[in-house]
Amino acid sequence: MARFGFVRAWARSQVAVGILFMVLGPVAAGAALLWWPAELFARAPAEWRGFVQPLAALAVLLLGIVIGSRLVLRGQLLLMLVEMRRSLARIDRRLRRGAPMEEAHPDRRDATTRLLPRR
């Protein structure tokens, strides 16, 4: 179905980029812990130097997970909406091809009559 091809591709790319963020977040946090440049320590006050590196790693980790999960969620919701529209269109086509309810079943005039008790 090429009608919503751009939306489907956009949603899949959001999911892929979100997964990439979620994978690269911990990798970047580990890199911040292991290979933190020494020049950046000199710019921080002396009492904060022990906390700067772990806080930066934690911030990078949380930022990667939050941004990645939002992108994955948004992409999955778009895919779900496109699939729901496709499914509803198929149901609508099937119902339009069938006979009207009054002609097919004269004793059932609407959908609620089937819920009434039979006599």
C-alpha atoms as a PDB file:
ATOM      1  CA  MET A   1       0.000   0.000   0.000  1.00  0.00           C
ATOM      2  CA  ALA A   2       1.871   3.031  -1.263  1.00  0.00           C
ATOM      3  CA  ARG A   3      -0.637   5.586  -0.013  1.00  0.00           C
ATOM      4  CA  PHE A   4       0.992   6.086   3.378  1.00  0.00           C
ATOM      5  CA  GLY A   5       4.482   5.031   2.353  1.00  0.00           C
ATOM      6  CA  PHE A   6       6.132   8.256   3.520  1.00  0.00           C
ATOM      7  CA  VAL A   7       4.463   8.109   6.935  1.00  0.00           C
ATOM      8  CA  ARG A   8       5.402   4.452   7.324  1.00  0.00           C
ATOM      9  CA  ALA A   9       9.021   5.181   6.332  1.00  0.00           C
ATOM     10  CA  TRP A  10       9.137   8.169   8.694  1.00  0.00           C
ATOM     11  CA  ALA A  11       7.827   6.047  11.570  1.00  0.00           C
ATOM     12  CA  ARG A  12      10.323   3.263  10.890  1.00  0.00           C
ATOM     13  CA  SER A  13      13.175   5.764  10.731  1.00  0.00           C
ATOM     14  CA  GLN A  14      12.078   7.225  14.075  1.00  0.00           C
ATOM     15  CA  VAL A  15      12.153   3.759  15.600  1.00  0.00           C
ATOM     16  CA  ALA A  16      15.599   3.083  14.131  1.00  0.00           C
ATOM     17  CA  VAL A  17      17.038   6.410  15.303  1.00  0.00           C
ATOM     18  CA  GLY A  18      15.476   5.883  18.743  1.00  0.00           C
ATOM     19  CA  ILE A  19      17.089   2.478  19.075  1.00  0.00           C
ATOM     20  CA  LEU A  20      20.377   4.011  17.947  1.00  0.00           C
ATOM     21  CA  PHE A  21      20.095   6.678  20.665  1.00  0.00           C
ATOM     22  CA  MET A  22      19.287   4.039  23.268  1.00  0.00           C
ATOM     23  CA  VAL A  23      22.332   1.988  22.261  1.00  0.00           C
ATOM     24  CA  LEU A  24      24.712   4.916  21.917  1.00  0.00           C
ATOM     25  CA  GLY A  25      23.630   6.512  25.229  1.00  0.00           C
ATOM     26  CA  PRO A  26      25.318   3.883  27.433  1.00  0.00           C
ATOM     27  CA  VAL A  27      28.283   3.741  25.056  1.00  0.00           C
ATOM     28  CA  ALA A  28      28.747   7.508  25.325  1.00  0.00           C
ATOM     29  CA  ALA A  29      28.327   7.340  29.108  1.00  0.00           C
ATOM     30  CA  GLY A  30      31.040   4.689  29.299  1.00  0.00           C
ATOM     31  CA  ALA A  31      33.266   6.797  27.083  1.00  0.00           C
ATOM     32  CA  ALA A  32      32.651   9.795  29.346  1.00  0.00           C
ATOM     33  CA  LEU A  33      33.711   7.718  32.353  1.00  0.00           C
ATOM     34  CA  LEU A  34      36.777   6.174  30.741  1.00  0.00           C
ATOM     35  CA  TRP A  35      38.153   8.857  28.428  1.00  0.00           C
ATOM     36  CA  TRP A  36      37.236  12.130  30.096  1.00  0.00           C
ATOM     37  CA  PRO A  37      39.683  14.868  28.959  1.00  0.00           C
ATOM     38  CA  ALA A  38      41.899  16.155  31.779  1.00  0.00           C
ATOM     39  CA  GLU A  39      41.511  19.775  30.629  1.00  0.00           C
ATOM     40  CA  LEU A  40      37.848  19.726  31.584  1.00  0.00           C
ATOM     41  CA  PHE A  41      38.731  18.767  35.177  1.00  0.00           C
ATOM     42  CA  ALA A  42      40.848  21.883  35.558  1.00  0.00           C
ATOM     43  CA  ARG A  43      37.892  24.140  34.722  1.00  0.00           C
ATOM     44  CA  ALA A  44      35.689  22.737  37.494  1.00  0.00           C
ATOM     45  CA  PRO A  45      36.102  23.904  41.103  1.00  0.00           C
ATOM     46  CA  ALA A  46      38.289  21.667  43.261  1.00  0.00           C
ATOM     47  CA  GLU A  47      35.437  20.365  45.435  1.00  0.00           C
ATOM     48  CA  TRP A  48      33.415  19.357  42.353  1.00  0.00           C
ATOM     49  CA  ARG A  49      36.138  17.552  40.414  1.00  0.00           C
ATOM     50  CA  GLY A  50      35.188  14.128  41.747  1.00  0.00           C
ATOM     51  CA  PHE A  51      31.536  14.553  40.828  1.00  0.00           C
ATOM     52  CA  VAL A  52      31.766  16.084  37.360  1.00  0.00           C
ATOM     53  CA  GLN A  53      32.717  12.932  35.487  1.00  0.00           C
ATOM     54  CA  PRO A  54      30.046  10.594  36.949  1.00  0.00           C
ATOM     55  CA  LEU A  55      27.352  13.276  36.685  1.00  0.00           C
ATOM     56  CA  ALA A  56      28.202  13.912  33.041  1.00  0.00           C
ATOM     57  CA  ALA A  57      28.104  10.171  32.329  1.00  0.00           C
ATOM     58  CA  LEU A  58      24.762   9.837  34.103  1.00  0.00           C
ATOM     59  CA  ALA A  59      23.350  12.819  32.194  1.00  0.00           C
ATOM     60  CA  VAL A  60      24.486  11.385  28.852  1.00  0.00           C
ATOM     61  CA  LEU A  61      23.037   7.974  29.740  1.00  0.00           C
ATOM     62  CA  LEU A  62      19.658   9.378  30.794  1.00  0.00           C
ATOM     63  CA  LEU A  63      19.506  11.732  27.832  1.00  0.00           C
ATOM     64  CA  GLY A  64      20.152   8.890  25.391  1.00  0.00           C
ATOM     65  CA  ILE A  65      17.523   6.681  26.986  1.00  0.00           C
ATOM     66  CA  VAL A  66      14.890   9.419  27.241  1.00  0.00           C
ATOM     67  CA  ILE A  67      15.343  10.737  23.697  1.00  0.00           C
ATOM     68  CA  GLY A  68      15.577   7.212  22.273  1.00  0.00           C
ATOM     69  CA  SER A  69      12.496   5.940  24.059  1.00  0.00           C
ATOM     70  CA  ARG A  70      10.453   8.962  22.961  1.00  0.00           C
ATOM     71  CA  LEU A  71      11.459   8.406  19.344  1.00  0.00           C
ATOM     72  CA  VAL A  72      10.684   4.689  19.504  1.00  0.00           C
ATOM     73  CA  LEU A  73       7.320   5.332  21.141  1.00  0.00           C
ATOM     74  CA  ARG A  74       6.375   8.005  18.609  1.00  0.00           C
ATOM     75  CA  GLY A  75       7.385   5.785  15.678  1.00  0.00           C
ATOM     76  CA  GLN A  76       5.473   2.805  17.041  1.00  0.00           C
ATOM     77  CA  LEU A  77       2.375   4.942  17.553  1.00  0.00           C
ATOM     78  CA  LEU A  78       2.559   6.181  13.970  1.00  0.00           C
ATOM     79  CA  LEU A  79       2.909   2.618  12.704  1.00  0.00           C
ATOM     80  CA  MET A  80      -0.031   1.562  14.844  1.00  0.00           C
ATOM     81  CA  LEU A  81      -2.224   4.357  13.474  1.00  0.00           C
ATOM     82  CA  VAL A  82      -1.343   3.541   9.868  1.00  0.00           C
ATOM     83  CA  GLU A  83      -2.072  -0.140  10.481  1.00  0.00           C
ATOM     84  CA  MET A  84      -5.355   0.693  12.209  1.00  0.00           C
ATOM     85  CA  ARG A  85      -6.407   2.853   9.269  1.00  0.00           C
ATOM     86  CA  ARG A  86      -5.546   0.071   6.836  1.00  0.00           C
ATOM     87  CA  SER A  87      -7.524  -2.439   8.872  1.00  0.00           C
ATOM     88  CA  LEU A  88     -10.551  -0.160   9.157  1.00  0.00           C
ATOM     89  CA  ALA A  89     -10.460   0.559   5.429  1.00  0.00           C
ATOM     90  CA  ARG A  90     -10.475  -3.183   4.733  1.00  0.00           C
ATOM     91  CA  ILE A  91     -13.456  -3.672   7.071  1.00  0.00           C
ATOM     92  CA  ASP A  92     -15.263  -0.747   5.427  1.00  0.00           C
ATOM     93  CA  ARG A  93     -14.689  -2.190   1.944  1.00  0.00           C
ATOM     94  CA  ARG A  94     -16.001  -5.560   3.076  1.00  0.00           C
ATOM     95  CA  LEU A  95     -19.127  -3.999   4.562  1.00  0.00           C
ATOM     96  CA  ARG A  96     -19.770  -1.878   1.470  1.00  0.00           C
ATOM     97  CA  ARG A  97     -19.634  -4.968  -0.773  1.00  0.00           C
ATOM     98  CA  GLY A  98     -22.213  -6.829   1.302  1.00  0.00           C
ATOM     99  CA  ALA A  99     -25.997  -6.460   1.159  1.00  0.00           C
ATOM    100  CA  PRO A 100     -27.737  -3.881   3.337  1.00  0.00           C
ATOM    101  CA  MET A 101     -28.977  -5.180   6.683  1.00  0.00           C
ATOM    102  CA  GLU A 102     -32.708  -4.679   5.935  1.00  0.00           C
ATOM    103  CA  GLU A 103     -32.580  -6.713   2.725  1.00  0.00           C
ATOM    104  CA  ALA A 104     -30.447  -9.517   4.128  1.00  0.00           C
ATOM    105  CA  HIS A 105     -32.347  -9.920   7.405  1.00  0.00           C
ATOM    106  CA  PRO A 106     -35.811  -8.344   7.475  1.00  0.00           C
ATOM    107  CA  ASP A 107     -36.379  -9.263  11.131  1.00  0.00           C
ATOM    108  CA  ARG A 108     -33.208  -7.415  12.187  1.00  0.00           C
ATOM    109  CA  ARG A 109     -33.574  -3.732  11.409  1.00  0.00           C
ATOM    110  CA  ASP A 110     -30.546  -2.501  13.326  1.00  0.00           C
ATOM    111  CA  ALA A 111     -27.621  -3.872  15.254  1.00  0.00           C
ATOM    112  CA  THR A 112     -29.326  -3.581  18.646  1.00  0.00           C
ATOM    113  CA  THR A 113     -32.162  -5.960  17.832  1.00  0.00           C
ATOM    114  CA  ARG A 114     -29.835  -8.918  18.106  1.00  0.00           C
ATOM    115  CA  LEU A 115     -29.280  -8.002  21.757  1.00  0.00           C
ATOM    116  CA  LEU A 116     -32.986  -8.196  22.605  1.00  0.00           C
ATOM    117  CA  PRO A 117     -34.238 -11.513  24.022  1.00  0.00           C
ATOM    118  CA  ARG A 118     -35.947 -13.841  21.540  1.00  0.00           C
ATOM    119  CA  ARG A 119     -39.588 -14.798  22.044  1.00  0.00           C
END
